[in-house]
N, C-alpha and C. Protein backbone atom coordinates (compact mmCIF):
# COMPACT_ATOMS: atom_id res chain seq x y z
N MET A 1 87.81 112.01 100.17
CA MET A 1 88.50 111.32 98.85
C MET A 1 89.06 109.73 99.36
N MET A 2 89.69 109.64 100.58
CA MET A 2 90.22 108.12 100.65
C MET A 2 88.98 107.23 101.63
N LEU A 3 88.22 107.82 101.88
CA LEU A 3 87.30 106.86 102.45
C LEU A 3 86.48 106.28 101.36
N GLU A 4 86.16 107.21 99.95
CA GLU A 4 85.49 106.46 99.31
C GLU A 4 86.29 105.37 98.59
N ALA A 5 87.90 105.67 98.18
CA ALA A 5 88.63 104.59 98.17
C ALA A 5 88.30 103.30 98.82
N TYR A 6 87.83 103.72 100.23
CA TYR A 6 88.18 102.26 100.90
C TYR A 6 86.52 101.68 100.87
N ARG A 7 85.68 102.05 100.16
CA ARG A 7 84.45 101.24 100.04
C ARG A 7 84.22 101.56 98.88
N ASP A 8 85.02 101.80 97.78
CA ASP A 8 85.32 101.00 96.32
C ASP A 8 86.18 100.37 96.32
N PRO A 9 86.80 99.29 96.44
CA PRO A 9 88.03 98.56 96.20
C PRO A 9 88.41 98.53 94.90
N SER A 10 87.52 99.15 93.59
CA SER A 10 88.07 99.38 92.36
C SER A 10 88.65 100.68 92.29
N LYS A 11 88.75 101.15 93.10
CA LYS A 11 88.89 102.67 92.79
C LYS A 11 91.07 102.79 93.43
N ILE A 12 91.65 103.05 92.64
CA ILE A 12 93.06 103.34 92.85
C ILE A 12 93.12 104.55 93.19
N LEU A 13 94.11 104.86 94.67
CA LEU A 13 94.96 106.54 94.48
C LEU A 13 95.89 106.09 94.81
N ALA A 14 96.84 107.00 93.55
CA ALA A 14 98.16 106.77 93.48
C ALA A 14 98.78 108.12 94.15
N HIS A 15 99.44 107.53 94.23
CA HIS A 15 100.39 108.85 95.40
C HIS A 15 101.60 109.06 94.66
N ALA A 16 102.47 109.60 95.41
CA ALA A 16 103.64 109.95 95.13
C ALA A 16 104.69 110.53 96.38
N CYS A 17 105.92 110.03 96.56
CA CYS A 17 106.25 110.08 97.94
C CYS A 17 107.19 111.50 98.02
N SER A 18 107.54 112.23 98.86
CA SER A 18 107.93 113.50 99.22
C SER A 18 108.99 113.20 100.36
N TYR A 19 109.71 114.19 100.21
CA TYR A 19 110.83 114.43 101.46
C TYR A 19 111.24 115.79 102.13
N ASN A 20 110.63 116.52 101.85
CA ASN A 20 110.26 118.18 102.12
C ASN A 20 109.23 118.52 101.97
N SER A 21 109.21 120.26 102.00
CA SER A 21 108.03 121.00 101.25
C SER A 21 108.11 121.25 100.15
N LEU A 22 109.13 121.52 99.80
CA LEU A 22 109.19 121.62 98.25
C LEU A 22 108.84 120.26 97.46
N SER A 23 109.13 119.53 98.02
CA SER A 23 109.31 118.14 96.79
C SER A 23 108.00 118.00 97.27
N SER A 24 106.66 118.51 98.39
CA SER A 24 105.58 118.13 98.24
C SER A 24 104.78 118.78 97.65
N ARG A 25 105.10 120.10 97.34
CA ARG A 25 104.59 120.96 96.46
C ARG A 25 105.05 120.42 95.31
N LEU A 26 105.91 119.89 94.33
CA LEU A 26 105.74 119.53 93.40
C LEU A 26 105.23 118.56 93.15
N VAL A 27 104.82 117.44 93.66
CA VAL A 27 103.88 116.39 93.92
C VAL A 27 102.39 116.59 93.73
N GLU A 28 102.21 117.75 94.60
CA GLU A 28 100.96 118.25 94.21
C GLU A 28 100.56 118.84 93.06
N GLU A 29 101.36 119.69 92.72
CA GLU A 29 101.48 120.25 91.61
C GLU A 29 101.89 119.49 90.34
N ALA A 30 102.07 118.00 90.59
CA ALA A 30 102.13 117.17 89.34
C ALA A 30 100.34 116.60 89.08
N GLY A 31 99.93 116.89 90.42
CA GLY A 31 98.14 116.41 90.24
C GLY A 31 98.04 115.38 90.96
N PHE A 32 98.76 114.83 92.20
CA PHE A 32 98.56 113.56 93.22
C PHE A 32 97.66 113.99 93.84
N PRO A 33 96.73 112.81 94.17
CA PRO A 33 95.98 113.55 94.81
C PRO A 33 96.25 113.60 97.39
N ILE A 34 97.14 112.52 97.07
CA ILE A 34 97.55 112.55 98.13
C ILE A 34 99.01 112.42 97.88
N ILE A 35 99.93 112.73 99.04
CA ILE A 35 101.27 113.09 99.28
C ILE A 35 102.18 112.45 100.36
N PHE A 36 102.85 111.00 99.74
CA PHE A 36 103.20 110.14 101.09
C PHE A 36 104.61 110.91 101.86
N LEU A 37 104.81 111.32 102.48
CA LEU A 37 106.10 111.93 103.26
C LEU A 37 107.07 110.41 103.73
N ALA A 38 107.88 109.97 103.15
CA ALA A 38 108.71 108.89 103.17
C ALA A 38 109.91 108.83 103.77
N GLY A 39 110.06 108.00 104.48
CA GLY A 39 111.46 108.03 105.99
C GLY A 39 112.73 107.54 105.06
N TYR A 40 112.67 106.97 103.91
CA TYR A 40 113.68 106.96 103.15
C TYR A 40 114.53 108.22 102.10
N PRO A 41 113.44 108.93 101.31
CA PRO A 41 114.08 110.50 101.02
C PRO A 41 114.02 111.02 102.13
N CYS A 42 113.53 111.13 103.23
CA CYS A 42 113.84 112.30 104.54
C CYS A 42 115.31 111.73 105.10
N ALA A 43 115.54 110.59 105.03
CA ALA A 43 116.71 109.70 105.62
C ALA A 43 117.91 110.72 104.69
N SER A 44 117.24 110.44 103.61
CA SER A 44 118.93 110.53 102.32
C SER A 44 118.80 112.06 102.27
N SER A 45 117.65 113.18 102.21
CA SER A 45 117.72 114.19 102.23
C SER A 45 118.92 114.69 103.40
N TYR A 46 118.81 114.06 104.54
CA TYR A 46 120.35 114.29 104.93
C TYR A 46 121.82 113.65 105.35
N GLY A 47 121.72 112.77 104.01
CA GLY A 47 123.02 112.25 103.47
C GLY A 47 122.65 110.57 104.71
N LEU A 48 121.55 110.17 105.27
CA LEU A 48 121.96 109.00 106.44
C LEU A 48 121.01 108.07 105.88
N PRO A 49 121.50 106.78 106.32
CA PRO A 49 120.64 105.81 105.86
C PRO A 49 119.39 105.50 106.60
N ASN A 50 118.55 104.82 105.80
CA ASN A 50 116.96 104.63 106.53
C ASN A 50 117.46 103.61 107.66
N THR A 51 117.74 103.99 108.40
CA THR A 51 118.20 102.93 109.27
C THR A 51 117.55 103.51 111.07
N GLY A 52 116.96 104.09 111.09
CA GLY A 52 116.24 104.62 112.48
C GLY A 52 117.43 106.29 113.22
N TYR A 53 117.88 106.79 112.12
CA TYR A 53 118.46 107.96 112.10
C TYR A 53 117.44 109.32 112.60
N ILE A 54 116.57 109.00 112.00
CA ILE A 54 115.79 110.67 111.64
C ILE A 54 115.19 109.76 112.82
N ALA A 55 114.76 110.93 114.03
CA ALA A 55 113.91 111.04 115.06
C ALA A 55 112.41 111.53 114.77
N MET A 56 111.66 111.19 115.62
CA MET A 56 110.45 111.07 115.57
C MET A 56 110.02 112.79 115.22
N ALA A 57 110.59 113.94 116.41
CA ALA A 57 110.67 115.18 116.21
C ALA A 57 111.31 115.44 114.62
N GLU A 58 112.18 115.32 114.11
CA GLU A 58 112.15 115.64 112.91
C GLU A 58 111.12 114.92 111.77
N MET A 59 110.96 113.94 111.80
CA MET A 59 109.77 113.54 110.63
C MET A 59 108.68 114.80 111.57
N CYS A 60 108.26 114.93 112.30
CA CYS A 60 107.04 115.97 112.75
C CYS A 60 106.91 117.22 111.82
N ASP A 61 108.66 117.68 112.28
CA ASP A 61 109.08 119.30 111.72
C ASP A 61 108.92 118.70 110.21
N LYS A 62 109.18 117.88 109.52
CA LYS A 62 109.05 117.70 108.14
C LYS A 62 107.73 117.75 107.49
N ILE A 63 106.79 116.63 108.21
CA ILE A 63 105.27 116.96 108.04
C ILE A 63 105.04 118.52 108.37
N GLN A 64 105.12 118.74 109.52
CA GLN A 64 104.73 120.70 109.15
C GLN A 64 104.80 121.42 108.30
N GLU A 65 106.01 121.09 107.53
CA GLU A 65 106.74 121.72 106.61
C GLU A 65 106.36 121.96 105.52
N ALA A 66 105.63 120.70 105.09
CA ALA A 66 104.83 120.04 104.17
C ALA A 66 103.70 120.33 104.52
N VAL A 67 103.29 120.34 105.17
CA VAL A 67 101.48 120.41 105.02
C VAL A 67 100.90 122.18 105.02
N ARG A 68 102.06 122.78 105.35
CA ARG A 68 102.37 124.06 105.33
C ARG A 68 102.17 124.78 103.71
N GLN A 69 102.65 123.86 103.00
CA GLN A 69 102.72 124.48 101.81
C GLN A 69 101.74 123.93 100.51
N VAL A 70 100.88 122.32 101.00
CA VAL A 70 99.80 121.57 100.02
C VAL A 70 98.86 122.05 100.80
N THR A 71 97.43 121.49 99.86
CA THR A 71 95.99 121.64 99.74
C THR A 71 95.82 119.94 100.11
N VAL A 72 96.67 119.07 99.85
CA VAL A 72 95.65 117.83 99.54
C VAL A 72 96.99 116.81 100.86
N PRO A 73 95.67 115.57 101.11
CA PRO A 73 96.29 115.29 102.47
C PRO A 73 97.50 114.64 102.63
N VAL A 74 98.04 114.64 103.68
CA VAL A 74 99.83 114.41 103.49
C VAL A 74 99.97 112.87 104.69
N ILE A 75 99.65 111.79 104.09
CA ILE A 75 100.44 110.68 105.01
C ILE A 75 101.74 110.15 105.06
N ALA A 76 101.94 110.29 106.33
CA ALA A 76 103.85 109.81 107.09
C ALA A 76 104.21 108.65 107.53
N ASP A 77 105.57 108.68 107.03
CA ASP A 77 105.99 107.28 107.46
C ASP A 77 106.41 107.19 108.63
N ALA A 78 106.01 106.25 109.58
CA ALA A 78 106.47 106.44 111.18
C ALA A 78 107.14 105.30 111.35
N ASP A 79 107.90 105.06 110.57
CA ASP A 79 108.44 103.28 110.72
C ASP A 79 108.08 102.35 111.52
N THR A 80 108.31 102.55 112.80
CA THR A 80 107.99 101.18 113.90
C THR A 80 107.25 101.93 115.12
N GLY A 81 106.82 103.43 114.66
CA GLY A 81 106.44 104.29 115.57
C GLY A 81 107.48 104.68 116.63
N TYR A 82 108.73 104.38 116.32
CA TYR A 82 109.82 104.68 117.60
C TYR A 82 109.98 103.85 118.64
N SER A 83 109.49 102.97 118.66
CA SER A 83 109.96 101.75 119.61
C SER A 83 109.03 100.78 120.63
N SER A 84 108.54 101.74 121.53
CA SER A 84 107.75 100.70 122.58
C SER A 84 106.09 101.28 122.12
N PRO A 85 105.35 100.76 122.45
CA PRO A 85 103.85 100.87 122.57
C PRO A 85 103.39 102.69 123.00
N MET A 86 104.13 103.04 124.14
CA MET A 86 104.15 104.25 124.80
C MET A 86 104.44 105.38 123.28
N ASN A 87 105.93 105.08 122.86
CA ASN A 87 106.74 106.09 121.87
C ASN A 87 105.75 105.83 120.72
N VAL A 88 104.67 104.84 120.59
CA VAL A 88 104.40 104.45 119.06
C VAL A 88 102.50 105.60 119.80
N LYS A 89 102.22 105.59 120.63
CA LYS A 89 101.57 106.78 121.05
C LYS A 89 101.66 108.47 121.03
N ARG A 90 102.85 108.42 121.51
CA ARG A 90 103.77 109.58 120.91
C ARG A 90 103.91 110.21 119.53
N THR A 91 103.93 109.25 118.61
CA THR A 91 104.64 109.41 117.86
C THR A 91 103.26 109.32 117.02
N VAL A 92 101.84 108.90 117.11
CA VAL A 92 100.61 109.10 116.67
C VAL A 92 99.87 110.79 116.90
N GLN A 93 100.03 110.82 118.31
CA GLN A 93 99.84 112.58 118.62
C GLN A 93 100.70 113.44 118.20
N CYS A 94 102.09 113.14 117.56
CA CYS A 94 103.19 114.20 117.37
C CYS A 94 102.02 114.58 115.86
N PHE A 95 102.45 113.26 115.22
CA PHE A 95 102.00 112.89 113.61
C PHE A 95 100.91 113.91 113.19
N ALA A 96 100.11 113.51 114.25
CA ALA A 96 98.39 114.29 114.05
C ALA A 96 98.60 115.95 114.31
N GLU A 97 99.31 115.98 115.23
CA GLU A 97 99.42 117.43 115.83
C GLU A 97 100.20 117.98 114.53
N ALA A 98 100.87 117.43 113.73
CA ALA A 98 101.88 118.34 112.84
C ALA A 98 100.85 118.47 111.47
N GLY A 99 99.83 117.59 111.16
CA GLY A 99 99.02 117.94 110.60
C GLY A 99 99.10 116.65 109.32
N ALA A 100 99.13 115.56 109.51
CA ALA A 100 99.28 114.20 108.56
C ALA A 100 98.20 113.89 108.82
N ALA A 101 97.66 113.30 107.63
CA ALA A 101 96.22 113.02 107.24
C ALA A 101 95.93 110.98 107.84
N GLY A 102 97.17 110.86 107.50
CA GLY A 102 97.80 109.33 107.61
C GLY A 102 98.51 108.99 108.16
N ILE A 103 99.24 107.83 108.89
CA ILE A 103 100.19 107.49 109.21
C ILE A 103 100.47 105.70 108.59
N MET A 104 101.63 105.67 108.59
CA MET A 104 102.14 104.12 108.06
C MET A 104 102.89 104.00 109.05
N ILE A 105 102.91 102.80 109.93
CA ILE A 105 103.68 102.45 110.98
C ILE A 105 103.89 100.34 110.41
N LYS A 106 104.99 100.42 110.69
CA LYS A 106 105.42 99.05 110.21
C LYS A 106 105.75 98.18 111.07
N ASP A 107 105.22 96.60 111.35
CA ASP A 107 106.25 95.74 111.91
C ASP A 107 107.02 95.49 111.44
N GLN A 108 108.66 95.90 112.23
CA GLN A 108 109.57 95.19 110.78
C GLN A 108 110.59 94.22 112.17
N THR A 109 109.75 93.62 113.07
CA THR A 109 110.47 92.46 113.84
C THR A 109 110.84 91.18 113.05
């Protein structure tokens, strides 16, 4: 599905954001073909701002919880990859092992 959209730029894949397994199921039940597990909603579910308080391990747990509950691909927000290039590598490995179908890493310099 995502490869199809890549090959055809006129195809748009709308998605909705989630922050846990329940919100991921609701997104899937609403008919979205992809779920984006976003950093801001995850942080706010802990009552925290989206300023680096959520650790990589906590996001990996959220990914696993979401992936277990849905059948559509889950793309996850990895913020900056959690610091150094070595941590970016660890983040990608952790997110992939948790079941993420894709990862968004932002350059926030």
